[in-house]
Amino acid sequence: MQRPRSITLGLPSVMCVCALVFGVPFATNAQSQDSTGMKLSRTVVAANAQTRPRPKVRMGPRRPPTRERVPPASAADSSAESAETIEADVSTRSVEVTAGFTGHEILVFGSIHNSQQPTDDSGYYDVVVVVEGAPEPVVVRRKSDVAGLWINTSSVTFASLPTYYAIAANRAIEEIAGPNVLDKLAIGFAHIKMTPAPGYKWSFSEQQLAAFKAATIRLKQKEGLYVVQVKDGVQFIGRSLFRSTVSLPANVPVGPLVARVFLFRNGEVISAHIARVTLERAGLERVLHNFAFRYPFSYGLFAVILAVLSGLLASAYFRRQTG
């Protein structure tokens, strides 16, 4: 009978088996000898298999996802969205003023957002366009007959007054709003803020100041610097579009202009918009203006020399013609 073969496990094999069964991590160096008698050095490493816990699976129906509740729109938000607003602009942002400047027309146009107007001639809205020049102090003098001569006897200096003022509307401004609203918005010649400079306020009575104000407006209108365009001043195109043309005279002061556009309904302003235009000197006029203000002494000396030379040349020319 043949004897059963015995299996002899070496130390490294035993340690590997123990590591796999008991999960003991270790590392050892073991030397084994092959059939040729050479020694082999090897490292046996065993590590615990890291087992991850499985996620628990919940049984039963799933819960519906929660949704964020959106608060209902308030009455103020809905009214703000439906409120009418006006948007406006001008045809040009800059106007060049040269030596041959004879005037210019500015087109003010815009639209009414969320317009409730049924037709363009229904009169549901009123639009007023006010174009103002830069404010500056103005001196107004009164002449009186003294011994047969008309001389300046009194004067008032207003601290701030627009150099140019034009009004355009779809109808008379007195029919659009009351005097309190017009005075608050400074719309109309009678509602322009004309405040006397310090020292003049208590020198005259209210009637005298009113007379000076009326004279100032009258002189400005005579010069063409204060203009009112009531008839077809503002034209509606459809339910929401509108346009207006403002004429600038040749003697309009150079500087910034502000176009204020107001939207009225039932005598109250519900929206407003502002656009700006700049009048700039250009060409030879700009060169002479800058030279005169930056170098006044040289400009005056140059003007005197030019006048003397012109006189001498004219005198020599006429002498030759007569001789």
Protein backbone atom coordinates (compact mmCIF):
# COMPACT_ATOMS: atom_id res chain seq x y z
CA MET A 1 0.00 0.00 0.00
CA GLN A 2 1.13 3.43 -0.77
CA ARG A 3 1.41 5.87 2.04
CA PRO A 4 -0.59 9.05 1.74
CA ARG A 5 1.46 11.96 0.77
CA SER A 6 1.94 14.50 3.51
CA ILE A 7 1.77 18.14 2.61
CA THR A 8 4.31 20.21 4.37
CA LEU A 9 3.56 23.96 4.54
CA GLY A 10 6.36 26.26 5.07
CA LEU A 11 6.32 29.25 7.38
CA PRO A 12 5.39 31.79 4.65
CA SER A 13 2.49 29.66 3.50
CA VAL A 14 1.18 29.32 7.06
CA MET A 15 1.41 33.00 7.65
CA CYS A 16 -0.48 33.78 4.42
CA VAL A 17 -3.24 31.36 5.37
CA CYS A 18 -3.52 32.90 8.84
CA ALA A 19 -3.70 36.36 7.33
CA LEU A 20 -6.50 35.38 4.99
CA VAL A 21 -8.48 33.53 7.70
CA PHE A 22 -8.02 35.80 10.71
CA GLY A 23 -7.43 39.04 8.86
CA VAL A 24 -4.15 39.82 10.66
CA PRO A 25 -2.07 42.32 8.75
CA PHE A 26 1.62 41.65 8.76
CA ALA A 27 4.71 41.69 6.56
CA THR A 28 7.59 39.27 6.78
CA ASN A 29 10.66 38.40 4.79
CA ALA A 30 10.95 34.70 3.97
CA GLN A 31 13.75 32.90 2.26
CA SER A 32 13.10 29.77 0.21
CA GLN A 33 15.44 27.53 -1.58
CA ASP A 34 14.74 26.19 -5.04
CA SER A 35 15.90 22.99 -6.58
CA THR A 36 19.15 24.55 -7.69
CA GLY A 37 20.03 25.49 -4.17
CA MET A 38 19.82 29.25 -4.72
CA LYS A 39 18.17 31.25 -1.99
CA LEU A 40 15.39 33.62 -2.95
CA SER A 41 14.37 36.43 -0.68
CA ARG A 42 10.75 37.63 -0.96
CA THR A 43 8.34 39.77 1.05
CA VAL A 44 4.86 38.61 1.89
CA VAL A 45 2.32 41.31 2.68
CA ALA A 46 -1.23 40.71 3.75
CA ALA A 47 -3.74 43.39 4.50
CA ASN A 48 -7.24 43.50 5.64
CA ALA A 49 -9.74 43.88 2.90
CA GLN A 50 -11.60 47.05 3.75
CA THR A 51 -15.19 46.27 3.54
CA ARG A 52 -17.51 49.24 2.99
CA PRO A 53 -20.94 49.17 4.55
CA ARG A 54 -23.68 48.84 2.02
CA PRO A 55 -26.26 51.60 1.90
CA LYS A 56 -29.52 50.76 3.51
CA VAL A 57 -32.41 50.50 1.13
CA ARG A 58 -35.64 51.91 2.42
CA MET A 59 -38.71 50.00 1.52
CA GLY A 60 -42.03 51.60 0.76
CA PRO A 61 -43.28 54.40 -1.51
CA ARG A 62 -41.02 57.35 -2.18
CA ARG A 63 -41.81 60.75 -0.81
CA PRO A 64 -42.54 63.42 -3.41
CA PRO A 65 -39.83 66.12 -3.64
CA THR A 66 -40.54 69.25 -1.70
CA ARG A 67 -41.21 72.37 -3.73
CA GLU A 68 -40.48 75.91 -2.61
CA ARG A 69 -43.54 77.99 -2.16
CA VAL A 70 -43.55 81.22 -4.16
CA PRO A 71 -45.37 84.04 -2.38
CA PRO A 72 -48.17 85.54 -4.42
CA ALA A 73 -47.48 88.89 -6.08
CA SER A 74 -48.68 91.77 -3.99
CA ALA A 75 -50.89 94.53 -5.24
CA ALA A 76 -47.98 96.99 -5.11
CA ASP A 77 -45.83 94.81 -7.37
CA SER A 78 -48.60 94.35 -9.90
CA SER A 79 -49.36 98.05 -9.93
CA ALA A 80 -45.66 98.86 -10.38
CA GLU A 81 -45.46 96.54 -13.36
CA SER A 82 -48.56 98.05 -14.97
CA ALA A 83 -47.64 101.70 -14.23
CA GLU A 84 -47.01 103.91 -17.23
CA THR A 85 -43.48 105.21 -17.74
CA ILE A 86 -42.06 107.52 -20.37
CA GLU A 87 -38.82 107.07 -22.28
CA ALA A 88 -37.39 109.86 -24.44
CA ASP A 89 -34.26 110.84 -26.34
CA VAL A 90 -32.97 113.57 -28.64
CA SER A 91 -31.93 113.40 -32.28
CA THR A 92 -28.41 114.67 -31.59
CA ARG A 93 -26.20 114.79 -28.53
CA SER A 94 -23.88 117.54 -29.76
CA VAL A 95 -24.40 120.62 -31.94
CA GLU A 96 -21.44 122.49 -33.43
CA VAL A 97 -21.63 126.27 -33.36
CA THR A 98 -19.48 127.87 -36.07
CA ALA A 99 -19.18 131.40 -37.43
CA GLY A 100 -21.96 130.64 -39.91
CA PHE A 101 -24.35 129.14 -37.36
CA THR A 102 -27.92 130.19 -38.15
CA GLY A 103 -29.82 127.96 -35.74
CA HIS A 104 -30.66 124.32 -35.33
CA GLU A 105 -33.65 122.07 -34.73
CA ILE A 106 -33.65 119.35 -32.08
CA LEU A 107 -36.04 116.44 -32.39
CA VAL A 108 -37.28 115.07 -29.06
CA PHE A 109 -38.98 111.70 -29.41
CA GLY A 110 -40.04 108.87 -27.15
CA SER A 111 -42.65 106.32 -26.15
CA ILE A 112 -45.00 105.56 -23.27
CA HIS A 113 -44.47 102.13 -21.74
CA ASN A 114 -47.66 100.29 -20.77
CA SER A 115 -49.77 102.88 -22.55
CA GLN A 116 -53.48 102.72 -21.81
CA GLN A 117 -54.36 105.30 -24.44
CA PRO A 118 -56.92 103.95 -26.93
CA THR A 119 -56.00 106.29 -29.82
CA ASP A 120 -53.54 109.06 -30.49
CA ASP A 121 -56.22 111.79 -30.38
CA SER A 122 -58.11 110.56 -27.34
CA GLY A 123 -56.43 113.02 -24.97
CA TYR A 124 -55.79 110.34 -22.35
CA TYR A 125 -52.22 111.56 -21.76
CA ASP A 126 -50.47 114.92 -21.91
CA VAL A 127 -46.77 115.30 -22.72
CA VAL A 128 -44.75 118.42 -21.93
CA VAL A 129 -41.21 118.99 -23.20
CA VAL A 130 -39.03 121.65 -21.53
CA VAL A 131 -35.59 122.49 -22.94
CA GLU A 132 -33.42 124.63 -20.66
CA GLY A 133 -30.01 126.20 -21.03
CA ALA A 134 -27.40 126.46 -18.31
CA PRO A 135 -28.49 128.82 -15.51
CA GLU A 136 -26.51 131.98 -14.89
CA PRO A 137 -26.94 135.31 -13.05
CA VAL A 138 -28.90 138.00 -14.89
CA VAL A 139 -28.93 141.76 -14.22
CA VAL A 140 -32.10 143.66 -15.10
CA ARG A 141 -32.03 147.46 -15.14
CA ARG A 142 -34.87 149.93 -15.19
CA LYS A 143 -34.64 153.20 -17.06
CA SER A 144 -36.44 156.34 -15.90
CA ASP A 145 -36.95 159.83 -17.29
CA VAL A 146 -34.71 162.15 -15.36
CA ALA A 147 -34.64 165.74 -16.60
CA GLY A 148 -35.57 164.63 -20.08
CA LEU A 149 -32.95 161.86 -20.19
CA TRP A 150 -33.61 158.14 -19.94
CA ILE A 151 -31.04 156.71 -17.58
CA ASN A 152 -30.73 153.57 -15.44
CA THR A 153 -32.19 154.30 -12.03
CA SER A 154 -32.57 150.83 -10.46
CA SER A 155 -31.51 147.25 -11.11
CA VAL A 156 -32.05 143.73 -9.80
CA THR A 157 -29.67 140.79 -10.07
CA PHE A 158 -31.31 137.39 -10.24
CA ALA A 159 -29.06 134.66 -8.89
CA SER A 160 -29.96 131.97 -11.44
CA LEU A 161 -31.94 132.10 -14.66
CA PRO A 162 -31.90 129.71 -17.65
CA THR A 163 -30.11 131.19 -20.63
CA TYR A 164 -32.57 129.42 -22.94
CA TYR A 165 -36.05 128.13 -22.20
CA ALA A 166 -38.45 126.42 -24.60
CA ILE A 167 -41.78 124.72 -23.87
CA ALA A 168 -43.61 122.29 -26.15
CA ALA A 169 -46.84 120.52 -25.28
CA ASN A 170 -49.81 118.90 -26.94
CA ARG A 171 -52.05 121.65 -25.50
CA ALA A 172 -51.84 124.70 -23.25
CA ILE A 173 -49.98 123.93 -20.03
CA GLU A 174 -52.66 125.73 -17.99
CA GLU A 175 -55.11 123.08 -19.20
CA ILE A 176 -52.75 120.21 -18.34
CA ALA A 177 -52.05 120.87 -14.65
CA GLY A 178 -52.74 123.32 -11.89
CA PRO A 179 -50.45 126.18 -10.83
CA ASN A 180 -49.10 124.30 -7.82
CA VAL A 181 -47.92 121.39 -9.95
CA LEU A 182 -46.46 123.69 -12.60
CA ASP A 183 -44.69 125.76 -9.97
CA LYS A 184 -43.22 122.64 -8.37
CA LEU A 185 -41.86 121.40 -11.71
CA ALA A 186 -40.90 124.90 -12.96
CA ILE A 187 -42.97 124.52 -16.13
CA GLY A 188 -43.97 127.81 -17.75
CA PHE A 189 -42.54 131.33 -17.75
CA ALA A 190 -44.59 132.33 -14.73
CA HIS A 191 -43.24 129.36 -12.77
CA ILE A 192 -39.52 129.73 -13.47
CA LYS A 193 -37.60 130.03 -10.24
CA MET A 194 -36.24 133.60 -10.29
CA THR A 195 -34.60 134.33 -6.95
CA PRO A 196 -32.95 137.72 -6.38
CA ALA A 197 -29.32 137.70 -5.34
CA PRO A 198 -28.52 138.50 -1.71
CA GLY A 199 -28.98 142.21 -1.05
CA TYR A 200 -31.84 142.72 -3.52
CA LYS A 201 -34.57 140.71 -1.86
CA TRP A 202 -35.44 143.27 0.80
CA SER A 203 -34.69 146.35 -1.32
CA PHE A 204 -37.89 146.01 -3.36
CA SER A 205 -41.46 145.09 -2.64
CA GLU A 206 -43.15 142.02 -4.06
CA GLN A 207 -44.87 144.09 -6.74
CA GLN A 208 -41.59 145.64 -7.83
CA LEU A 209 -39.89 142.24 -8.00
CA ALA A 210 -42.83 140.89 -10.04
CA ALA A 211 -42.40 143.82 -12.45
CA PHE A 212 -38.69 143.03 -12.85
CA LYS A 213 -39.48 139.33 -13.46
CA ALA A 214 -42.08 140.17 -16.10
CA ALA A 215 -39.64 142.53 -17.81
CA THR A 216 -36.95 139.83 -17.84
CA ILE A 217 -39.28 137.29 -19.46
CA ARG A 218 -40.43 139.89 -22.00
CA LEU A 219 -36.85 140.77 -23.00
CA LYS A 220 -35.91 137.10 -23.29
CA GLN A 221 -38.90 136.47 -25.53
CA LYS A 222 -37.95 139.46 -27.66
CA GLU A 223 -34.48 138.00 -28.16
CA GLY A 224 -35.99 134.65 -29.17
CA LEU A 225 -34.45 132.81 -26.22
CA TYR A 226 -37.74 132.05 -24.45
CA VAL A 227 -40.12 130.17 -26.76
CA VAL A 228 -43.52 128.50 -26.33
CA GLN A 229 -44.78 125.89 -28.78
CA VAL A 230 -48.30 124.93 -27.82
CA LYS A 231 -50.05 124.21 -31.10
CA ASP A 232 -48.80 120.81 -32.25
CA GLY A 233 -45.80 121.22 -30.00
CA VAL A 234 -46.00 117.52 -29.15
CA GLN A 235 -47.57 115.09 -31.62
CA PHE A 236 -48.71 111.59 -30.74
CA ILE A 237 -48.00 108.84 -33.26
CA GLY A 238 -50.22 105.93 -32.41
CA ARG A 239 -51.02 104.90 -28.86
CA SER A 240 -47.57 105.28 -27.31
CA LEU A 241 -45.16 107.15 -29.62
CA PHE A 242 -44.69 110.92 -29.63
CA ARG A 243 -42.36 113.53 -31.09
CA SER A 244 -41.57 117.23 -30.72
CA THR A 245 -39.33 119.68 -32.58
CA VAL A 246 -37.54 122.46 -30.68
CA SER A 247 -35.91 125.29 -32.64
CA LEU A 248 -32.65 126.80 -31.40
CA PRO A 249 -32.04 130.41 -32.53
CA ALA A 250 -28.75 131.66 -33.90
CA ASN A 251 -28.02 133.61 -30.70
CA VAL A 252 -28.52 130.66 -28.35
CA PRO A 253 -25.77 130.66 -25.69
CA VAL A 254 -23.17 127.95 -26.11
CA GLY A 255 -23.22 125.31 -23.40
CA PRO A 256 -25.22 122.34 -22.14
CA LEU A 257 -28.96 121.98 -22.70
CA VAL A 258 -31.28 119.78 -20.66
CA ALA A 259 -34.48 118.37 -22.17
CA ARG A 260 -37.06 117.39 -19.54
CA VAL A 261 -40.02 115.33 -20.70
CA PHE A 262 -43.09 114.94 -18.45
CA LEU A 263 -46.04 112.57 -18.77
CA PHE A 264 -49.30 113.85 -17.28
CA ARG A 265 -52.62 112.18 -16.63
CA ASN A 266 -55.56 113.87 -14.95
CA GLY A 267 -53.44 116.86 -14.01
CA GLU A 268 -50.73 114.85 -12.22
CA VAL A 269 -47.28 113.92 -13.45
CA ILE A 270 -46.84 110.14 -13.49
CA SER A 271 -43.43 109.85 -15.15
CA ALA A 272 -40.49 111.98 -16.29
CA HIS A 273 -37.32 111.59 -18.32
CA ILE A 274 -34.21 113.73 -18.92
CA ALA A 275 -32.02 113.95 -22.03
CA ARG A 276 -28.99 116.19 -22.59
CA VAL A 277 -27.60 118.14 -25.53
CA THR A 278 -24.32 120.06 -25.72
CA LEU A 279 -23.64 123.13 -27.86
CA GLU A 280 -19.93 123.36 -28.71
CA ARG A 281 -17.95 125.92 -30.63
CA ALA A 282 -16.12 124.64 -33.70
CA GLY A 283 -13.86 125.93 -36.42
CA LEU A 284 -12.34 129.44 -36.41
CA GLU A 285 -14.78 130.68 -33.78
CA ARG A 286 -13.53 128.09 -31.32
CA VAL A 287 -9.90 129.04 -31.96
CA LEU A 288 -10.58 132.75 -31.46
CA HIS A 289 -12.70 132.13 -28.37
CA ASN A 290 -10.05 129.98 -26.70
CA PHE A 291 -7.33 132.46 -27.63
CA ALA A 292 -9.30 135.41 -26.22
CA PHE A 293 -10.08 133.74 -22.89
CA ARG A 294 -6.74 132.00 -22.35
CA TYR A 295 -4.50 134.86 -23.45
CA PRO A 296 -6.56 138.05 -23.01
CA PHE A 297 -3.58 140.47 -23.12
CA SER A 298 -2.15 138.93 -26.29
CA TYR A 299 -5.62 138.86 -27.86
CA GLY A 300 -6.16 142.55 -27.10
CA LEU A 301 -2.73 143.49 -28.45
CA PHE A 302 -3.35 141.43 -31.59
CA ALA A 303 -6.73 143.12 -32.10
CA VAL A 304 -5.18 146.61 -31.78
CA ILE A 305 -2.38 145.81 -34.22
CA LEU A 306 -4.84 144.32 -36.70
CA ALA A 307 -7.06 147.40 -36.46
CA VAL A 308 -4.11 149.78 -37.03
CA LEU A 309 -2.87 147.79 -40.03
CA SER A 310 -6.35 147.65 -41.51
CA GLY A 311 -6.69 151.44 -41.12
CA LEU A 312 -3.31 152.11 -42.77
CA LEU A 313 -4.08 149.80 -45.68
CA ALA A 314 -7.49 151.38 -46.22
CA SER A 315 -6.00 154.88 -46.08
CA ALA A 316 -3.27 154.02 -48.60
CA TYR A 317 -5.83 152.43 -50.91
CA PHE A 318 -8.14 155.45 -50.96
CA ARG A 319 -5.21 157.85 -51.45
CA ARG A 320 -4.13 155.92 -54.50
CA GLN A 321 -7.66 155.96 -55.87
CA THR A 322 -7.99 159.75 -55.45
CA GLY A 323 -4.49 160.45 -56.73
